[in-house]
Protein backbone atom coordinates (compact mmCIF):
# COMPACT_ATOMS: atom_id res chain seq x y z
CA MET A 1 -0.13 0.08 0.05
CA SER A 2 1.13 3.54 -1.17
CA ASN A 3 1.98 6.37 1.48
CA GLU A 4 -1.04 8.30 -0.28
CA GLU A 5 -3.48 5.18 -0.38
CA ARG A 6 -2.75 4.61 3.05
CA GLN A 7 -3.13 8.32 4.35
CA SER A 8 -6.75 8.09 2.33
CA LEU A 9 -7.55 5.72 4.65
CA ALA A 10 -6.66 7.27 7.84
CA TYR A 11 -8.33 10.31 9.45
CA ASP A 12 -6.65 13.72 9.14
CA PHE A 13 -4.18 14.67 11.68
CA PHE A 14 -1.78 17.67 12.59
CA PHE A 15 1.34 17.91 14.04
CA PHE A 16 1.48 19.90 17.33
CA GLY A 17 5.00 19.51 18.15
CA GLY A 18 6.06 20.64 21.68
CA GLU A 19 8.13 18.34 24.29
CA ASN A 20 5.91 15.59 23.90
CA ASN A 21 6.03 15.64 19.98
CA SER A 22 1.97 15.48 20.24
CA TYR A 23 -0.17 15.05 17.33
CA GLY A 24 -3.98 15.33 17.02
CA PHE A 25 -6.72 13.92 15.33
CA GLN A 26 -10.42 13.24 15.46
CA THR A 27 -12.80 10.23 14.72
CA SER A 28 -15.77 10.07 12.88
CA ASN A 29 -17.39 9.34 16.24
CA TYR A 30 -16.24 13.01 17.51
CA ILE A 31 -13.48 11.61 20.27
CA SER A 32 -10.78 13.36 19.91
CA TYR A 33 -6.77 11.72 20.06
CA GLU A 34 -3.75 13.18 21.60
CA ILE A 35 -0.75 10.84 19.92
CA LYS A 36 2.37 11.56 21.87
CA PHE A 37 6.26 10.66 21.72
CA LYS A 38 7.46 11.28 24.98
CA PRO A 39 11.19 11.28 25.47
CA MET A 40 13.15 8.60 27.61
CA PHE A 41 16.50 9.52 26.75
CA TYR A 42 16.82 8.03 30.72
CA LEU A 43 15.95 4.50 29.65
CA PHE A 44 19.45 3.80 27.64
CA GLU A 45 21.38 6.35 29.16
CA PRO A 46 24.87 4.75 29.39
CA HIS A 47 24.15 4.28 25.59
CA LYS A 48 24.53 7.87 24.35
CA GLU A 49 24.79 6.96 20.84
CA TYR A 50 20.91 5.65 20.64
CA ALA A 51 19.95 6.92 24.56
CA ASN A 52 18.65 10.28 23.03
CA SER A 53 16.69 8.79 20.43
CA ALA A 54 14.13 7.00 22.76
CA TYR A 55 10.71 7.89 22.87
CA GLU A 56 7.66 6.26 24.52
CA PHE A 57 4.51 6.36 22.61
CA VAL A 58 1.10 7.19 24.13
CA ILE A 59 -2.14 7.24 22.75
CA GLU A 60 -4.52 9.42 24.81
CA VAL A 61 -8.21 10.02 24.46
CA PHE A 62 -8.50 14.11 24.44
CA GLU A 63 -11.81 14.60 24.56
CA ASN A 64 -14.64 12.57 24.27
CA THR A 65 -17.93 14.30 24.41
CA THR A 66 -19.85 10.99 24.14
CA ASN A 67 -19.22 9.70 27.06
CA LYS A 68 -18.97 6.36 25.87
CA THR A 69 -16.07 4.26 26.11
CA PRO A 70 -14.55 4.36 22.30
CA SER A 71 -15.28 1.48 20.31
CA TYR A 72 -13.22 -0.15 17.86
CA ASP A 73 -12.44 2.08 14.42
CA ASP A 74 -11.31 0.70 11.01
CA LEU A 75 -9.29 3.86 10.64
CA MET A 76 -7.67 4.11 13.89
CA PRO A 77 -4.94 1.37 13.10
CA VAL A 78 -4.13 3.08 9.86
CA THR A 79 -3.75 6.41 11.52
CA ILE A 80 -1.51 5.39 14.02
CA ALA A 81 0.61 3.89 11.67
CA THR A 82 0.78 7.10 9.42
CA ILE A 83 1.27 9.08 12.26
CA ILE A 84 4.28 6.62 13.61
CA GLU A 85 5.51 7.07 9.89
CA ASP A 86 5.33 10.54 9.82
CA PHE A 87 6.99 10.80 13.38
CA TYR A 88 10.10 8.50 11.71
CA ASN A 89 10.20 10.79 9.02
CA LYS A 90 10.96 13.56 11.29
CA ILE A 91 13.21 12.16 13.68
CA ASN A 92 16.54 9.78 12.53
CA GLN A 93 16.08 6.45 13.54
CA PRO A 94 13.60 6.59 16.87
CA LEU A 95 13.60 4.00 19.30
CA ILE A 96 9.55 4.09 20.08
CA ILE A 97 8.60 2.04 23.22
CA TYR A 98 5.02 1.22 23.68
CA VAL A 99 3.25 0.13 26.54
CA CYS A 100 -0.38 -1.17 26.51
CA ASP A 101 -2.42 0.63 28.45
CA SER A 102 -3.90 -1.75 31.54
CA SER A 103 -6.36 0.15 32.87
CA ASP A 104 -9.31 -1.25 31.02
CA GLY A 105 -8.33 -5.21 31.00
CA ARG A 106 -8.23 -4.91 27.58
CA GLN A 107 -4.20 -4.87 27.22
CA LEU A 108 -3.94 -8.38 25.41
CA ALA A 109 -6.65 -7.78 22.82
CA ARG A 110 -4.60 -4.65 21.79
CA ASN A 111 -1.93 -6.23 20.19
CA ARG A 112 -2.07 -10.47 19.79
CA LYS A 113 1.51 -10.40 18.55
CA ILE A 114 3.75 -8.86 21.36
CA GLU A 115 6.33 -11.34 22.65
CA VAL A 116 7.58 -9.34 25.67
CA ILE A 117 5.41 -9.35 28.76
CA LEU A 118 6.09 -6.76 31.74
CA LEU A 119 4.07 -7.87 34.71
CA ASP A 120 2.81 -4.84 36.81
CA LYS A 121 3.02 -5.11 41.11
CA SER A 122 -0.54 -6.84 40.83
CA GLY A 123 0.91 -9.56 38.51
CA GLU A 124 -1.28 -8.14 35.62
CA ARG A 125 0.12 -8.63 32.42
CA VAL A 126 1.33 -5.65 30.44
CA PRO A 127 2.20 -6.00 26.89
CA THR A 128 5.23 -3.87 25.70
CA VAL A 129 6.73 -3.44 22.20
CA MET A 130 9.76 -1.67 20.83
CA ILE A 131 9.41 -0.07 17.60
CA LEU A 132 12.45 0.46 15.28
CA ARG A 133 13.90 0.13 12.05
CA ASN A 134 15.89 -3.03 11.02
CA ASN A 135 18.68 -0.70 9.36
CA ASN A 136 19.61 1.38 12.49
CA PRO A 137 23.15 1.02 13.01
CA TYR A 138 22.71 0.05 16.66
CA PHE A 139 20.16 -2.42 16.13
CA SER A 140 21.52 -5.59 17.96
CA GLU A 141 22.65 -3.54 21.05
CA ILE A 142 19.32 -1.78 21.30
CA ILE A 143 17.47 -5.04 21.42
CA SER A 144 19.79 -6.69 23.78
CA ASP A 145 19.33 -3.46 25.95
CA PHE A 146 15.74 -3.61 25.90
CA GLN A 147 15.46 -7.02 26.84
CA LYS A 148 18.17 -6.38 29.84
CA ILE A 149 15.83 -3.50 30.92
CA LEU A 150 12.56 -5.84 30.43
CA ILE A 151 14.30 -8.87 32.61
CA GLY A 152 15.40 -6.39 35.28
CA TYR A 153 11.87 -4.55 35.58
CA ASN A 154 10.11 -8.47 35.79
CA ASP A 155 12.91 -9.23 38.29
CA ASP A 156 12.16 -5.92 40.39
CA ASP A 157 8.74 -6.79 40.90
CA LYS A 158 8.87 -10.36 42.19
């Protein structure tokens, strides 16, 4: 699918920038979302060559005038993918880390392909994924460090 085709299947979005590299869009159900890429430079701190490229990916409902829980929307996945691609084009080789929201108990349904699971303090399984391009010059080191971070996180909660 070409970039133009993908964008035609996505909601229009806007890049607001700022400290959290924010994007925004509104669905056909009039629910407004803010997508953030929050700097997480501290995560890989000893590795300055790629530490400054780490961002936490956040999807937040910004405004919901319906007062209903947002339901599945066919345009959301394409919109999110298009926003991630746009961010990749703005930032050189970002490392994007996404921790699925567990507040509603549906975190495992959000991404069925996740293999990395964090256990929170209550023992709840929280899928976590890192998105990076396979042509990143530090790909192997980043994957290794990310696995060490996750193992350390899970060991700390036991």
